Protein backbone atom coordinates (compact mmCIF):
# COMPACT_ATOMS: atom_id res chain seq x y z
CA MET A 1 -19.75 17.18 -31.75
CA PHE A 2 -18.58 15.56 -28.33
CA ASN A 3 -19.50 16.93 -25.05
CA LYS A 4 -16.52 16.93 -22.93
CA LYS A 5 -19.11 17.81 -19.85
CA VAL A 6 -22.01 15.16 -20.75
CA PHE A 7 -18.90 12.50 -20.82
CA MET A 8 -17.23 13.58 -17.76
CA CYS A 9 -20.73 12.90 -16.17
CA VAL A 10 -20.78 9.04 -17.68
CA LYS A 11 -17.78 8.76 -16.13
CA GLY A 12 -18.68 9.94 -12.98
CA CYS A 13 -21.75 8.00 -12.76
CA TYR A 14 -19.49 4.65 -13.58
CA PHE A 15 -17.27 5.58 -10.49
CA ILE A 16 -19.91 5.28 -7.97
CA PHE A 17 -21.65 2.75 -9.56
CA PHE A 18 -18.37 0.52 -9.61
CA SER A 19 -17.57 2.10 -6.06
CA PHE A 20 -21.11 0.59 -4.98
CA ILE A 21 -21.01 -2.75 -6.63
CA LEU A 22 -17.35 -3.21 -5.03
CA MET A 23 -18.88 -2.24 -1.78
CA LEU A 24 -21.36 -5.20 -2.44
CA ARG A 25 -18.68 -7.78 -2.72
CA SER A 26 -17.11 -6.98 0.51
CA VAL A 27 -20.09 -8.29 2.56
CA GLY A 28 -20.35 -11.79 3.48
CA PRO A 29 -24.15 -11.83 2.79
CA TYR A 30 -23.69 -10.67 -0.87
CA LEU A 31 -21.62 -14.51 -1.02
CA LEU A 32 -24.60 -16.39 -0.66
CA LEU A 33 -26.86 -15.37 -3.97
CA PRO A 34 -26.66 -17.37 -6.86
CA THR A 35 -23.36 -16.44 -9.08
CA LYS A 36 -25.66 -15.55 -12.01
CA TYR A 37 -26.40 -12.26 -9.79
CA ASP A 38 -22.70 -11.15 -9.75
CA THR A 39 -22.16 -11.94 -13.42
CA LEU A 40 -24.91 -9.69 -13.94
CA LEU A 41 -23.10 -6.82 -12.23
CA PHE A 42 -19.64 -7.29 -13.08
CA TRP A 43 -20.05 -8.31 -16.68
CA PRO A 44 -21.52 -5.46 -17.44
CA ALA A 45 -19.42 -2.99 -15.31
CA GLY A 46 -16.39 -4.44 -16.65
CA ILE A 47 -17.68 -4.22 -20.48
CA PHE A 48 -18.75 -0.69 -19.99
CA GLY A 49 -15.46 0.36 -18.12
CA CYS A 50 -13.49 -0.95 -21.07
CA LEU A 51 -15.55 1.24 -23.58
CA LEU A 52 -15.34 3.81 -21.63
CA VAL A 53 -11.11 3.20 -21.66
CA ALA A 54 -11.01 2.88 -25.25
CA VAL A 55 -13.41 5.83 -25.88
CA ASP A 56 -11.08 8.56 -23.18
CA PHE A 57 -8.11 6.78 -25.28
CA ILE A 58 -9.54 8.11 -28.19
CA ILE A 59 -10.22 11.24 -27.42
CA ALA A 60 -6.48 11.75 -25.64
CA PHE A 61 -5.41 10.83 -29.07
CA ARG A 62 -7.13 13.50 -31.01
CA GLU A 63 -6.34 15.96 -28.74
CA LYS A 64 -2.44 14.54 -28.64
CA ASN A 65 -2.93 14.71 -25.03
CA LEU A 66 -1.57 10.24 -24.35
CA ARG A 67 1.15 12.07 -21.97
CA LYS A 68 -2.12 12.32 -19.52
CA TYR A 69 -1.73 8.70 -18.71
CA ASP A 70 1.18 7.18 -16.73
CA TRP A 71 3.63 5.29 -18.99
CA LEU A 72 4.23 2.64 -16.58
CA LEU A 73 0.79 1.80 -15.99
CA TYR A 74 1.32 0.65 -19.95
CA VAL A 75 3.69 -1.32 -19.61
CA PHE A 76 2.42 -2.98 -16.41
CA LEU A 77 -0.24 -4.10 -18.57
CA GLY A 78 2.32 -5.50 -21.23
CA VAL A 79 3.94 -7.20 -18.57
CA MET A 80 1.02 -9.04 -17.64
CA LEU A 81 -0.02 -9.74 -20.78
CA ILE A 82 3.49 -11.50 -21.45
CA SER A 83 3.24 -13.40 -18.53
CA SER A 84 -0.09 -14.55 -19.34
CA LEU A 85 1.32 -15.64 -22.75
CA MET A 86 4.43 -17.35 -21.50
CA ASN A 87 2.28 -19.08 -18.96
CA LEU A 88 -1.06 -19.72 -21.76
CA LYS A 89 -1.32 -23.48 -20.31
CA TYR A 90 -2.18 -22.83 -17.03
CA GLY A 91 -5.43 -20.96 -18.54
CA TYR A 92 -7.07 -17.48 -20.02
CA SER A 93 -9.98 -16.31 -19.00
CA GLN A 94 -8.76 -15.19 -15.69
CA ASN A 95 -5.76 -13.24 -16.73
CA ILE A 96 -8.11 -11.76 -19.26
CA LYS A 97 -10.39 -10.91 -16.49
CA LEU A 98 -7.78 -8.99 -14.51
CA LEU A 99 -6.66 -6.91 -17.75
CA MET A 100 -9.76 -6.42 -18.13
CA TRP A 101 -10.12 -4.90 -14.72
CA GLN A 102 -6.88 -3.88 -13.98
CA SER A 103 -6.89 -1.35 -17.27
CA ILE A 104 -10.22 0.50 -15.34
CA PHE A 105 -8.50 0.74 -12.36
CA PHE A 106 -5.43 2.31 -13.91
CA PHE A 107 -7.08 4.38 -17.24
CA ILE A 108 -11.12 4.98 -15.83
CA VAL A 109 -10.63 4.74 -11.31
CA TYR A 110 -7.34 6.45 -11.07
CA GLN A 111 -7.68 8.51 -13.95
CA PHE A 112 -10.79 9.87 -12.63
CA GLY A 113 -9.46 10.90 -9.45
CA LYS A 114 -6.45 13.35 -11.52
CA ASP A 115 -8.69 14.91 -14.00
CA TYR A 116 -11.81 15.36 -11.32
CA GLY A 117 -10.72 15.03 -7.94
CA THR A 118 -12.39 18.13 -6.45
CA ASN A 119 -16.13 16.88 -8.62
CA ILE A 120 -18.97 16.24 -6.64
CA PHE A 121 -19.13 12.63 -7.61
CA PHE A 122 -15.86 12.33 -5.45
CA LYS A 123 -17.96 14.01 -2.70
CA VAL A 124 -20.68 11.16 -3.29
CA PHE A 125 -18.08 8.68 -2.96
CA SER A 126 -17.04 9.74 0.21
CA TRP A 127 -20.63 9.92 1.81
CA LEU A 128 -21.21 6.99 0.68
CA ILE A 129 -18.54 4.65 1.57
CA SER A 130 -19.05 5.99 5.10
CA SER A 131 -22.60 5.85 5.06
CA VAL A 132 -22.35 2.02 4.08
CA TRP A 133 -19.59 1.52 6.73
CA PHE A 134 -22.14 3.07 9.16
CA PHE A 135 -24.92 0.89 8.25
CA THR A 136 -22.62 -2.43 7.77
CA ASN A 137 -20.32 -1.78 11.43
CA SER A 138 -24.04 -1.13 13.45
CA ILE A 139 -25.10 -4.62 12.34
CA SER A 140 -21.66 -5.94 12.96
CA LEU A 141 -21.49 -4.52 16.39
CA TYR A 142 -25.50 -5.48 16.91
CA MET A 143 -23.79 -9.51 16.13
CA PHE A 144 -21.38 -9.27 18.82
CA VAL A 145 -23.68 -8.08 21.44
CA ILE A 146 -26.21 -10.88 21.12
CA GLN A 147 -23.12 -12.69 20.11
CA TYR A 148 -24.38 -14.66 16.98
CA GLY A 149 -21.77 -16.66 14.60
CA ILE A 150 -22.53 -18.79 11.73
CA LYS A 151 -20.13 -20.49 8.87
CA ILE A 152 -21.60 -21.45 5.85
CA PRO A 153 -19.73 -22.94 3.55
CA ILE A 154 -19.34 -22.26 0.17
CA LYS A 155 -18.38 -24.60 -3.04
CA TYR A 156 -16.57 -22.25 -5.12
CA LYS A 157 -14.83 -20.35 -1.73
CA TYR A 158 -11.86 -22.02 0.05
CA TYR A 159 -13.05 -20.44 3.38
CA PRO A 160 -16.83 -20.09 4.47
CA VAL A 161 -18.56 -17.54 4.60
CA ARG A 162 -18.12 -16.24 8.23
CA LEU A 163 -20.52 -13.82 9.78
CA GLY A 164 -20.58 -12.41 13.33
CA TRP A 165 -18.65 -13.37 16.16
CA LEU A 166 -16.53 -16.76 15.91
CA GLY A 167 -13.06 -17.13 16.27
CA ASN A 168 -12.91 -14.46 19.54
CA ARG A 169 -13.25 -12.16 16.49
CA LEU A 170 -15.68 -9.93 14.84
CA PHE A 171 -15.96 -10.62 11.63
CA GLY A 172 -19.18 -8.86 11.22
CA VAL A 173 -20.45 -8.95 8.20
CA TYR A 174 -18.24 -8.78 5.71
CA THR A 175 -16.13 -11.65 4.05
CA ASP A 176 -12.98 -10.82 5.53
CA PRO A 177 -12.37 -8.65 8.50
CA ASN A 178 -8.96 -7.68 7.63
CA PHE A 179 -10.81 -5.71 4.77
CA GLY A 180 -13.81 -4.52 6.35
CA ALA A 181 -11.74 -2.97 9.47
CA VAL A 182 -9.20 -1.21 7.24
CA ILE A 183 -11.85 0.26 5.19
CA SER A 184 -13.64 1.10 8.45
CA PHE A 185 -10.43 3.04 9.33
CA VAL A 186 -10.35 5.01 6.17
CA VAL A 187 -14.14 6.02 7.08
CA ILE A 188 -12.24 7.87 10.51
CA ILE A 189 -10.24 9.24 8.55
CA ILE A 190 -12.72 10.96 5.80
CA GLY A 191 -14.17 11.89 9.38
CA MET A 192 -11.44 13.33 10.95
CA TYR A 193 -10.85 15.66 7.41
CA TYR A 194 -14.49 17.00 7.75
CA LEU A 195 -14.31 17.37 11.50
CA ILE A 196 -11.21 19.12 11.37
CA THR A 197 -11.51 21.71 8.04
CA LYS A 198 -14.96 21.77 8.34
CA THR A 199 -16.04 23.49 11.01
CA SER A 200 -19.34 25.35 10.11
CA MET A 201 -21.01 21.73 9.83
CA HIS A 202 -24.41 21.99 11.34
CA MET A 203 -24.19 20.27 14.94
CA LEU A 204 -26.49 17.38 14.02
CA LEU A 205 -24.20 16.51 11.18
CA LYS A 206 -21.04 16.88 13.00
CA SER A 207 -22.69 14.73 15.94
CA LEU A 208 -23.36 11.79 12.80
CA ILE A 209 -20.17 11.70 11.77
CA ILE A 210 -18.61 11.22 15.45
CA LEU A 211 -20.83 8.32 16.21
CA ASN A 212 -19.67 6.67 12.53
CA ILE A 213 -16.14 7.15 14.14
CA ILE A 214 -16.60 5.94 17.30
CA ILE A 215 -18.33 2.59 15.52
CA GLN A 216 -15.50 2.34 13.34
CA PHE A 217 -13.03 2.34 15.87
CA SER A 218 -15.59 -0.37 18.16
CA PHE A 219 -15.53 -2.64 14.88
CA ILE A 220 -11.87 -2.46 14.55
CA ALA A 221 -11.14 -3.06 17.85
CA LEU A 222 -13.46 -6.21 17.87
CA SER A 223 -12.49 -7.33 14.76
CA GLY A 224 -8.73 -8.47 16.21
CA SER A 225 -7.04 -7.46 12.79
CA ARG A 226 -3.41 -7.05 13.15
CA THR A 227 -3.30 -5.69 9.66
CA THR A 228 -5.23 -2.58 10.59
CA LEU A 229 -3.62 -2.27 13.81
CA VAL A 230 -0.46 -1.93 11.78
CA CYS A 231 -2.22 0.80 9.72
CA MET A 232 -3.60 2.96 12.92
CA LEU A 233 0.00 3.26 14.17
CA VAL A 234 1.71 3.65 11.24
CA THR A 235 -0.80 6.03 10.04
CA THR A 236 -1.31 8.50 13.67
CA PHE A 237 2.19 8.17 13.48
CA ILE A 238 2.46 10.41 9.96
CA PHE A 239 -0.50 12.38 10.82
CA SER A 240 0.93 13.36 14.13
CA PHE A 241 4.30 13.76 12.73
CA PHE A 242 3.35 16.00 10.01
CA SER A 243 0.34 17.91 11.36
CA LEU A 244 3.04 19.47 13.74
CA PHE A 245 6.45 19.34 11.17
CA SER A 246 4.11 21.64 9.15
CA SER A 247 3.21 24.20 11.69
CA ASN A 248 4.60 27.42 11.56
CA TYR A 249 5.67 26.52 15.45
CA PHE A 250 8.67 26.00 15.16
CA ALA A 251 9.83 27.83 11.86
CA LYS A 252 13.12 28.49 12.58
CA LYS A 253 13.93 26.12 14.90
CA LEU A 254 14.56 22.64 12.58
CA ILE A 255 16.19 20.59 14.92
CA TYR A 256 14.02 20.97 18.10
CA LYS A 257 10.88 20.64 15.25
CA TRP A 258 12.65 16.99 14.08
CA ILE A 259 12.16 16.19 18.02
CA VAL A 260 9.14 17.35 18.95
CA SER A 261 7.34 16.11 16.29
CA LEU A 262 9.06 12.77 16.36
CA THR A 263 8.24 12.41 19.89
CA VAL A 264 4.05 13.73 19.65
CA GLY A 265 4.20 11.14 16.91
CA CYS A 266 5.47 8.13 19.27
CA PHE A 267 3.54 9.05 22.26
CA SER A 268 0.26 9.18 19.25
CA MET A 269 1.13 5.41 18.48
CA ILE A 270 1.32 4.16 21.73
CA GLY A 271 -2.25 6.24 22.63
CA ILE A 272 -4.14 5.04 19.54
CA TYR A 273 -2.91 1.55 20.87
CA GLY A 274 -3.88 1.79 24.48
CA LEU A 275 -7.09 2.89 22.64
CA ASN A 276 -8.00 -0.16 20.59
CA HIS A 277 -7.08 -2.35 23.46
CA VAL A 278 -9.41 -0.31 26.12
CA THR A 279 -12.56 0.08 23.32
CA ALA A 280 -12.02 -3.70 23.02
CA ASN A 281 -12.12 -4.71 26.56
CA ALA A 282 -15.20 -2.07 27.28
CA TRP A 283 -17.16 -4.00 25.00
CA ALA A 284 -16.49 -7.21 26.12
CA TYR A 285 -18.42 -6.59 29.01
CA ILE A 286 -21.82 -5.14 26.62
CA PRO A 287 -22.61 -9.01 26.24
CA THR A 288 -22.49 -9.92 29.45
CA ILE A 289 -24.74 -6.73 30.53
CA THR A 290 -27.22 -7.55 27.63
CA HIS A 291 -27.58 -11.29 29.23
CA LEU A 292 -27.91 -10.53 33.05
CA LYS A 293 -31.12 -8.06 31.71
CA ASN A 294 -32.53 -10.65 29.85
CA SER A 295 -32.06 -12.96 32.65
CA ASN A 296 -35.71 -13.35 33.41
CA SER A 297 -36.74 -14.14 29.54
CA PRO A 298 -37.80 -17.57 28.45
CA THR A 299 -34.76 -19.08 26.16
CA LYS A 300 -35.19 -21.30 23.18
CA PRO A 301 -33.41 -24.55 23.59
CA ASP A 302 -31.37 -23.57 20.23
CA GLN A 303 -30.63 -20.05 21.08
CA LYS A 304 -27.07 -18.91 21.87
CA VAL A 305 -26.60 -17.71 25.50
CA PRO A 306 -24.26 -14.63 26.04
CA PRO A 307 -21.68 -16.06 28.85
CA LYS A 308 -21.71 -14.25 32.06
CA GLU A 309 -19.01 -12.96 32.06
CA LYS A 310 -16.17 -10.92 29.86
CA ILE A 311 -15.90 -12.26 26.24
CA ASP A 312 -12.38 -14.01 25.51
CA LEU A 313 -10.98 -11.96 23.00
CA ASP A 314 -7.79 -13.81 22.43
CA ARG A 315 -7.59 -15.34 18.79
CA PRO A 316 -7.17 -18.76 19.11
CA ASP A 317 -5.85 -18.77 15.70
CA THR A 318 -2.93 -17.08 16.09
CA GLU A 319 -1.64 -19.06 19.52
CA GLY A 320 0.21 -21.79 17.30
CA GLY A 321 3.53 -19.99 17.36
CA ASP A 322 2.94 -18.55 14.26
CA ILE A 323 2.63 -15.03 14.50
CA SER A 324 2.04 -14.42 10.75
CA ASN A 325 -1.04 -16.65 10.33
CA LEU A 326 0.63 -18.73 7.35
CA ARG A 327 1.97 -15.79 5.72
CA PHE A 328 5.62 -16.74 6.12
CA GLN A 329 4.83 -19.68 4.01
CA LEU A 330 2.73 -18.34 1.87
CA TRP A 331 5.56 -15.59 0.97
CA ALA A 332 8.08 -18.46 0.84
CA SER A 333 5.92 -20.21 -1.37
CA ALA A 334 6.04 -17.05 -3.79
CA VAL A 335 9.59 -16.61 -3.53
CA GLU A 336 9.98 -20.43 -4.88
CA ILE A 337 7.63 -19.35 -7.77
CA PHE A 338 9.91 -16.18 -8.85
CA LYS A 339 13.10 -18.42 -8.84
CA SER A 340 11.45 -20.90 -10.79
CA ASN A 341 10.52 -18.08 -13.31
CA PRO A 342 12.39 -14.79 -12.32
CA ILE A 343 11.64 -13.29 -15.89
CA SER A 344 7.66 -13.52 -16.19
CA GLY A 345 6.34 -15.36 -12.88
CA GLY A 346 3.76 -17.80 -12.75
CA SER A 347 1.33 -15.89 -14.69
CA PRO A 348 -1.17 -12.94 -13.28
CA GLY A 349 -4.37 -15.46 -12.77
CA TYR A 350 -2.76 -18.69 -12.33
CA TYR A 351 -0.31 -18.84 -10.32
CA ILE A 352 -1.26 -20.78 -7.90
CA GLU A 353 -2.02 -23.50 -10.99
CA TYR A 354 2.09 -22.82 -11.38
CA ALA A 355 2.57 -23.43 -8.59
CA HIS A 356 0.70 -27.00 -7.97
CA ASP A 357 2.18 -28.14 -11.40
CA LYS A 358 5.97 -26.79 -10.83
CA LEU A 359 6.80 -26.58 -7.17
CA PRO A 360 4.00 -29.01 -5.24
CA HIS A 361 6.36 -29.48 -2.86
CA THR A 362 6.22 -25.77 -1.83
CA PHE A 363 2.77 -24.05 0.70
CA MET A 364 1.37 -22.56 -2.16
CA GLY A 365 2.03 -25.77 -3.91
CA LYS A 366 -0.35 -28.08 -1.57
CA ASP A 367 -3.11 -25.50 -0.93
CA ASN A 368 -5.27 -22.68 -2.85
CA LEU A 369 -4.12 -19.90 -0.66
CA THR A 370 -3.06 -16.46 -2.35
CA ALA A 371 -0.10 -14.48 -2.05
CA HIS A 372 -1.35 -11.93 1.36
CA SER A 373 0.72 -9.02 0.13
CA PHE A 374 0.97 -6.83 -3.42
CA ILE A 375 4.75 -7.46 -3.24
CA PHE A 376 4.78 -11.45 -2.94
CA LEU A 377 1.60 -11.45 -5.32
CA ILE A 378 3.30 -9.16 -8.01
CA MET A 379 6.95 -11.02 -7.21
CA ALA A 380 4.71 -14.64 -7.63
CA ALA A 381 2.14 -13.36 -10.63
CA THR A 382 4.86 -11.34 -12.86
CA GLY A 383 7.91 -11.96 -11.84
CA GLY A 384 10.99 -9.24 -12.15
CA LEU A 385 9.31 -7.49 -14.84
CA GLY A 386 6.34 -6.71 -12.88
CA LEU A 387 8.36 -6.01 -9.93
CA ILE A 388 10.77 -3.15 -11.73
CA THR A 389 7.66 -1.80 -13.35
CA PHE A 390 5.29 -1.29 -10.66
CA PHE A 391 7.64 -0.34 -8.28
CA SER A 392 9.42 2.04 -10.42
CA PHE A 393 5.50 4.15 -10.34
CA PHE A 394 5.17 3.14 -6.94
CA PHE A 395 8.30 4.55 -5.55
CA ILE A 396 8.30 7.94 -8.22
CA GLN A 397 4.55 8.22 -6.53
CA CYS A 398 6.06 7.96 -2.70
CA TYR A 399 8.95 10.53 -3.97
CA LYS A 400 6.32 13.14 -5.23
CA VAL A 401 4.44 12.28 -1.68
CA LEU A 402 7.46 13.01 0.58
CA ARG A 403 8.32 16.16 -1.07
CA TYR A 404 4.53 17.31 -1.24
CA CYS A 405 5.03 16.86 3.20
CA PHE A 406 7.98 17.87 3.90
CA THR A 407 7.22 21.31 1.79
CA LYS A 408 4.11 22.06 2.40
CA GLU A 409 2.89 24.13 5.63
CA ASN A 410 -0.04 23.47 7.95
CA LEU A 411 -0.92 19.73 6.36
CA ILE A 412 -3.60 19.06 9.38
CA LYS A 413 -5.98 21.90 7.07
CA ASP A 414 -5.01 20.52 3.81
CA GLU A 415 -7.44 17.78 1.92
CA VAL A 416 -4.60 16.05 -0.44
CA PHE A 417 -3.08 15.43 3.19
CA PHE A 418 -6.00 13.78 4.15
CA ASP A 419 -5.85 11.82 0.76
CA ILE A 420 -2.21 10.87 1.59
CA LEU A 421 -3.04 9.05 4.92
CA ILE A 422 -6.05 6.94 3.07
CA ILE A 423 -3.63 5.43 0.49
CA LEU A 424 -1.10 5.12 3.38
CA THR A 425 -3.19 3.44 4.94
CA ILE A 426 -4.48 0.63 2.14
CA ALA A 427 -0.68 0.98 0.85
CA VAL A 428 0.61 -0.55 4.63
CA SER A 429 -2.58 -2.71 4.82
CA ALA A 430 -1.26 -4.32 1.32
CA LEU A 431 1.51 -5.48 2.90
CA PHE A 432 -0.52 -8.57 4.69
CA ILE A 433 -3.41 -8.39 3.13
CA THR A 434 -3.96 -9.13 -0.88
CA GLU A 435 -4.66 -5.21 -2.70
CA LEU A 436 -3.24 -2.57 -5.07
CA VAL A 437 -3.19 -4.79 -7.89
CA LEU A 438 -4.79 -7.83 -9.76
CA VAL A 439 -7.37 -7.21 -7.69
CA SER A 440 -11.05 -6.01 -7.63
CA THR A 441 -11.52 -5.09 -4.40
CA ILE A 442 -12.85 -1.73 -2.31
CA GLY A 443 -9.29 -1.50 -0.93
CA ALA A 444 -8.05 -1.21 -4.52
CA PHE A 445 -10.93 1.41 -5.25
CA VAL A 446 -10.09 3.62 -2.46
CA PHE A 447 -6.05 3.69 -3.13
CA TRP A 448 -6.09 4.40 -7.00
CA SER A 449 -9.00 6.94 -6.93
CA HIS A 450 -7.13 9.03 -4.35
CA LEU A 451 -3.66 8.57 -5.76
CA GLY A 452 -5.25 9.84 -8.80
CA LYS A 453 -6.92 12.54 -6.79
CA ILE A 454 -3.40 13.95 -5.08
CA GLN A 455 -1.90 14.14 -8.14
CA LYS A 456 -2.94 17.85 -9.23
CA GLY A 457 -2.08 18.83 -5.37
CA ILE A 458 1.22 17.44 -5.19
CA SER A 459 2.53 18.26 -8.84
CA GLU A 460 1.41 22.31 -8.28
C-alpha cells in the first residue's frame, strides 16, 4: 500500500536538495569546476524530479484530484512545446531540458509549497538559504576589505567569472551581483519575519539574525545593484503601507488611513534609499583603515594594495549614457523577435539563435545576450501564446494577493504577508534580470515555492 507520508518526505528531501544545488550554481567558483560535476548533480536531479512529477500525477489521477494543479501551468508547458516544434530547426536538446525543469518548478516546487507550505522542510529551506548567504556574503565583504578582485574567462560563458571587487562594485563570490543581492534582500525579509513574529527566541539567535541582516544589507549596498535597490524600495513601501493599513488604529477613518499609510510608505522608501547610500559610503572607508593599520607590514610586489583614500563607488559601466546598461536594446530585440513570429516566438531555448538567423540586424541578432526581463523573455521565447497564458496566471495571483492584503488585519504578524513580500521582491527583480520562468535559478525556486506556500493562506 502506498504511504503518503513517506512520499511527502521524499519530495521534501528533494525540495531541499534541489534548492541547494541551485544555490551552488549562483556561486562563481562553482563554475570553475569541470562541467562533469555539474552534470553529475543536475541530470540525476532532473530525472528524479520528473519521476516525482509522474508519480504525483498518477496519485492525483487515481484520487480524481487533478484539479489541485493549476490548468494554466499545463497550458504554458503546452505553449513551450508548440514553440519548440515550430522552431525545431534551431535545436531541441535545450528545449527538452527547459520543459523538464519547468515541469519540476510547476509541479514539484510550486505544488510542494501549496501542499506542505507549513511543513518542516520549508523551515529548513529558510534556515539553509539564510545560512548559505551569511557565509557567502561574509566572504564577499572580506574580499571588499582587502580589495581583492579577479576575472577568470570560461569558454562556455559569455562573461568571465568575476570575483571580489571589480568595476567599483562588489561581485563577491556570485556569478552576478544582481542575483546575489536580490537573494540577500530575501534573506533580510526572512530575518525580519522571525524578529517581528517570534518574540520568544533566545537572545543569541536574535543577535545572529540581526548580524545576518547587517551583513546582507552591507553586501547589497556595495554590490551597486540598481535592480535590488528598486526591489528594496518597492517592497519597503508595500511593507510599510500594508502594516499600517491593516492595523486597527484607523479602523473607522478610511481616508485618513489611506493618507497616513501612503505617507509612511513614501518616507520609508526615502529612508531605505538613504540607509543604502550611507551604508555603502561607510564601508568605503574600511579598506583605508585596514591599509593604515597594515602600513608597516612588508608588501609583496604582486599584492594589490588598498588605496589610501575612500573607495570610489561610481560604476563606470553606467556612465556611457545608457541608464539601462544595454537592457533597452535587448528589450527592443525581443520585441523584434515577437513581431517576426507573434504566435509562438523564437523558441524557448533558441530564441537567440532565431535572432541570429532571422534578425541579424538587431542587437540580440549580433550578440548572445539574453532578454534580461521575464516579460521580454516570454515575448521572445513563446510569443503571444506564452504571453497570454502566463500573464493570465500571473494576474490572477496578483488579484488574490491584493484582495488578501486589503482584507486581512494585522498583516505585520502574518507569515503569509512576509511570503508575499518575498515573491514581490523576486517578481520586481525579474523585470530587469532573467527570472521566474525558462530558467533554473535559486530566485525562480524562491518565487515558485513561496507562491505555492501562500495559496492556502490567501484562499481561506
